[in-house]
N, C-alpha and C. Protein backbone atom coordinates (compact mmCIF):
# COMPACT_ATOMS: atom_id res chain seq x y z
N UNK A 1 112.17 -13.72 -0.34
CA UNK A 1 111.54 -12.44 -0.09
C UNK A 1 111.17 -11.79 -1.43
N UNK A 2 110.02 -11.20 -1.47
CA UNK A 2 109.53 -10.56 -2.67
C UNK A 2 110.08 -9.13 -2.73
N UNK A 3 110.58 -8.76 -3.90
CA UNK A 3 111.14 -7.42 -4.08
C UNK A 3 110.04 -6.44 -4.46
N UNK A 4 110.39 -5.15 -4.36
CA UNK A 4 109.45 -4.09 -4.71
C UNK A 4 109.02 -4.27 -6.17
N UNK A 5 107.72 -4.24 -6.43
CA UNK A 5 107.24 -4.51 -7.79
C UNK A 5 107.31 -3.32 -8.72
N UNK A 6 107.25 -3.62 -9.99
CA UNK A 6 107.15 -2.58 -11.00
C UNK A 6 105.68 -2.13 -11.07
N UNK A 7 105.42 -0.96 -11.64
CA UNK A 7 104.03 -0.53 -11.81
C UNK A 7 103.19 -1.54 -12.61
N UNK A 8 103.80 -2.17 -13.59
CA UNK A 8 103.08 -3.16 -14.39
C UNK A 8 102.69 -4.38 -13.55
N UNK A 9 103.59 -4.80 -12.67
CA UNK A 9 103.29 -5.93 -11.79
C UNK A 9 102.15 -5.59 -10.83
N UNK A 10 102.15 -4.36 -10.33
CA UNK A 10 101.08 -3.93 -9.43
C UNK A 10 99.75 -3.96 -10.17
N UNK A 11 99.71 -3.40 -11.36
CA UNK A 11 98.48 -3.38 -12.16
C UNK A 11 98.00 -4.80 -12.46
N UNK A 12 98.91 -5.66 -12.89
CA UNK A 12 98.53 -7.04 -13.23
C UNK A 12 97.97 -7.79 -12.02
N UNK A 13 98.61 -7.63 -10.87
CA UNK A 13 98.14 -8.31 -9.66
C UNK A 13 96.78 -7.77 -9.22
N UNK A 14 96.59 -6.46 -9.33
CA UNK A 14 95.29 -5.87 -8.98
C UNK A 14 94.19 -6.43 -9.86
N UNK A 15 94.44 -6.51 -11.13
CA UNK A 15 93.44 -7.04 -12.06
C UNK A 15 93.15 -8.51 -11.75
N UNK A 16 94.19 -9.29 -11.49
CA UNK A 16 94.00 -10.71 -11.16
C UNK A 16 93.23 -10.88 -9.86
N UNK A 17 93.40 -9.92 -8.94
CA UNK A 17 92.66 -9.98 -7.67
C UNK A 17 91.20 -9.56 -7.86
N UNK A 18 90.89 -8.99 -9.02
CA UNK A 18 89.52 -8.59 -9.31
C UNK A 18 89.14 -7.23 -8.76
N UNK A 19 90.14 -6.39 -8.48
CA UNK A 19 89.88 -5.07 -7.92
C UNK A 19 89.93 -3.99 -9.00
N UNK A 20 89.05 -3.01 -8.89
CA UNK A 20 89.22 -1.78 -9.65
C UNK A 20 90.32 -1.00 -8.94
N UNK A 21 90.78 0.07 -9.57
CA UNK A 21 91.77 0.90 -8.88
C UNK A 21 91.19 1.48 -7.60
N UNK A 22 89.93 1.88 -7.62
CA UNK A 22 89.30 2.44 -6.42
C UNK A 22 89.20 1.39 -5.32
N UNK A 23 88.83 0.18 -5.66
CA UNK A 23 88.73 -0.89 -4.66
C UNK A 23 90.09 -1.21 -4.05
N UNK A 24 91.12 -1.24 -4.88
CA UNK A 24 92.47 -1.49 -4.37
C UNK A 24 92.91 -0.35 -3.45
N UNK A 25 92.63 0.88 -3.86
CA UNK A 25 92.98 2.04 -3.02
C UNK A 25 92.30 1.94 -1.66
N UNK A 26 91.02 1.60 -1.68
CA UNK A 26 90.27 1.48 -0.42
C UNK A 26 90.84 0.35 0.44
N UNK A 27 91.12 -0.78 -0.15
CA UNK A 27 91.63 -1.95 0.59
C UNK A 27 92.96 -1.65 1.26
N UNK A 28 93.82 -0.90 0.56
CA UNK A 28 95.16 -0.65 1.08
C UNK A 28 95.32 0.71 1.76
N UNK A 29 94.22 1.48 1.84
CA UNK A 29 94.26 2.73 2.59
C UNK A 29 94.87 3.90 1.85
N UNK A 30 94.73 3.92 0.52
CA UNK A 30 95.24 5.02 -0.29
C UNK A 30 94.08 5.77 -0.92
N UNK A 31 94.36 6.98 -1.36
CA UNK A 31 93.40 7.68 -2.20
C UNK A 31 93.51 7.07 -3.60
N UNK A 32 92.52 7.33 -4.42
CA UNK A 32 92.55 6.80 -5.78
C UNK A 32 93.78 7.31 -6.53
N UNK A 33 94.07 8.60 -6.40
CA UNK A 33 95.22 9.15 -7.12
C UNK A 33 96.54 8.56 -6.62
N UNK A 34 96.63 8.27 -5.33
CA UNK A 34 97.85 7.65 -4.80
C UNK A 34 98.00 6.23 -5.35
N UNK A 35 96.88 5.51 -5.45
CA UNK A 35 96.97 4.15 -6.01
C UNK A 35 97.36 4.22 -7.49
N UNK A 36 96.76 5.14 -8.23
CA UNK A 36 97.08 5.27 -9.65
C UNK A 36 98.56 5.56 -9.85
N UNK A 37 99.17 6.30 -8.94
CA UNK A 37 100.61 6.58 -9.03
C UNK A 37 101.44 5.32 -8.86
N UNK A 38 100.90 4.32 -8.18
CA UNK A 38 101.60 3.05 -7.99
C UNK A 38 101.59 2.20 -9.25
N UNK A 39 100.68 2.51 -10.16
CA UNK A 39 100.57 1.78 -11.42
C UNK A 39 101.10 2.60 -12.60
N UNK A 40 101.74 3.72 -12.31
CA UNK A 40 102.23 4.64 -13.34
C UNK A 40 103.75 4.64 -13.37
N UNK A 41 104.30 4.63 -14.56
CA UNK A 41 105.76 4.76 -14.70
C UNK A 41 106.11 6.22 -14.90
N UNK A 42 107.35 6.56 -14.64
CA UNK A 42 107.81 7.92 -14.86
C UNK A 42 107.92 8.72 -13.58
N UNK A 43 107.93 10.03 -13.74
CA UNK A 43 108.17 10.93 -12.61
C UNK A 43 107.08 10.88 -11.54
N UNK A 44 105.86 10.56 -11.92
CA UNK A 44 104.76 10.55 -10.95
C UNK A 44 104.60 9.18 -10.28
N UNK A 45 105.45 8.23 -10.63
CA UNK A 45 105.35 6.88 -10.07
C UNK A 45 105.65 6.88 -8.57
N UNK A 46 104.85 6.17 -7.83
CA UNK A 46 105.04 5.95 -6.39
C UNK A 46 104.85 4.46 -6.15
N UNK A 47 105.95 3.75 -6.01
CA UNK A 47 105.91 2.30 -5.92
C UNK A 47 105.13 1.78 -4.72
N UNK A 48 104.64 0.56 -4.88
CA UNK A 48 103.96 -0.14 -3.79
C UNK A 48 105.02 -0.89 -2.98
N UNK A 49 104.97 -0.78 -1.67
CA UNK A 49 105.93 -1.45 -0.80
C UNK A 49 105.86 -2.96 -1.00
N UNK A 50 106.97 -3.63 -0.81
CA UNK A 50 107.06 -5.07 -1.04
C UNK A 50 106.04 -5.84 -0.20
N UNK A 51 105.85 -5.45 1.06
CA UNK A 51 104.89 -6.15 1.92
C UNK A 51 103.46 -5.99 1.43
N UNK A 52 103.12 -4.81 0.96
CA UNK A 52 101.78 -4.59 0.41
C UNK A 52 101.59 -5.36 -0.89
N UNK A 53 102.65 -5.44 -1.69
CA UNK A 53 102.58 -6.21 -2.93
C UNK A 53 102.38 -7.69 -2.61
N UNK A 54 103.04 -8.16 -1.57
CA UNK A 54 102.90 -9.56 -1.18
C UNK A 54 101.44 -9.86 -0.81
N UNK A 55 100.80 -8.96 -0.07
CA UNK A 55 99.39 -9.14 0.26
C UNK A 55 98.53 -9.12 -1.01
N UNK A 56 98.83 -8.21 -1.92
CA UNK A 56 98.09 -8.15 -3.17
C UNK A 56 98.24 -9.46 -3.95
N UNK A 57 99.44 -10.03 -3.96
CA UNK A 57 99.64 -11.33 -4.62
C UNK A 57 98.83 -12.43 -3.96
N UNK A 58 98.74 -12.41 -2.64
CA UNK A 58 97.92 -13.39 -1.93
C UNK A 58 96.45 -13.25 -2.33
N UNK A 59 95.97 -12.02 -2.39
CA UNK A 59 94.58 -11.77 -2.76
C UNK A 59 94.31 -12.16 -4.21
N UNK A 60 95.33 -12.10 -5.05
CA UNK A 60 95.21 -12.46 -6.46
C UNK A 60 95.46 -13.95 -6.69
N UNK A 61 95.80 -14.68 -5.63
CA UNK A 61 96.17 -16.10 -5.72
C UNK A 61 97.36 -16.28 -6.66
N UNK A 62 98.32 -15.36 -6.55
CA UNK A 62 99.51 -15.39 -7.40
C UNK A 62 100.81 -15.44 -6.60
N UNK A 63 100.72 -15.57 -5.28
CA UNK A 63 101.92 -15.59 -4.45
C UNK A 63 102.74 -16.84 -4.78
N UNK A 64 104.06 -16.71 -4.90
CA UNK A 64 104.87 -17.87 -5.28
C UNK A 64 105.01 -18.94 -4.19
N UNK A 65 104.74 -18.59 -2.92
CA UNK A 65 104.93 -19.55 -1.84
C UNK A 65 103.68 -19.85 -1.02
N UNK A 66 102.76 -18.91 -0.93
CA UNK A 66 101.63 -19.04 -0.02
C UNK A 66 100.31 -18.90 -0.75
N UNK A 67 99.27 -19.40 -0.08
CA UNK A 67 97.93 -19.30 -0.62
C UNK A 67 96.98 -18.98 0.52
N UNK A 68 96.06 -18.06 0.29
CA UNK A 68 95.05 -17.75 1.30
C UNK A 68 93.99 -18.85 1.32
N UNK A 69 93.53 -19.16 2.50
CA UNK A 69 92.47 -20.15 2.67
C UNK A 69 91.45 -19.55 3.61
N UNK A 70 90.17 -19.63 3.23
CA UNK A 70 89.12 -19.11 4.09
C UNK A 70 89.05 -19.93 5.37
N UNK A 71 88.70 -19.26 6.44
CA UNK A 71 88.55 -19.95 7.72
C UNK A 71 87.56 -21.09 7.55
N UNK A 72 87.87 -22.21 8.17
CA UNK A 72 86.99 -23.37 8.12
C UNK A 72 87.32 -24.32 6.97
N UNK A 73 87.95 -23.83 5.91
CA UNK A 73 88.27 -24.70 4.78
C UNK A 73 89.34 -25.72 5.13
N UNK A 74 90.29 -25.34 5.97
CA UNK A 74 91.33 -26.27 6.36
C UNK A 74 90.72 -27.44 7.14
N UNK A 75 89.81 -27.13 8.05
CA UNK A 75 89.15 -28.20 8.81
C UNK A 75 88.36 -29.13 7.89
N UNK A 76 87.70 -28.58 6.90
CA UNK A 76 86.92 -29.39 5.99
C UNK A 76 87.80 -30.30 5.14
N UNK A 77 89.01 -29.83 4.78
CA UNK A 77 89.92 -30.63 3.97
C UNK A 77 90.50 -31.80 4.77
N UNK A 78 90.67 -31.61 6.07
CA UNK A 78 91.27 -32.64 6.91
C UNK A 78 90.28 -33.70 7.35
N UNK A 79 88.98 -33.50 7.14
CA UNK A 79 87.97 -34.48 7.56
C UNK A 79 87.70 -35.50 6.50
């Protein structure tokens, strides 16, 4: 199970996924300022939930156990 990430881990995964902060906020249903708080340390920090971080890792192709595959690609690999 993946633990709650640090703000630095959230930022790194977002960048690896190719998202701006605004794009990540939109994808996960946050305002821009709420997303920025997830990448900030200190009193204003608002961590990203472990499940949301796991999805972000999948989108960044950085998940330690799983990998996203586009629909149809599995069928093409098996032929």
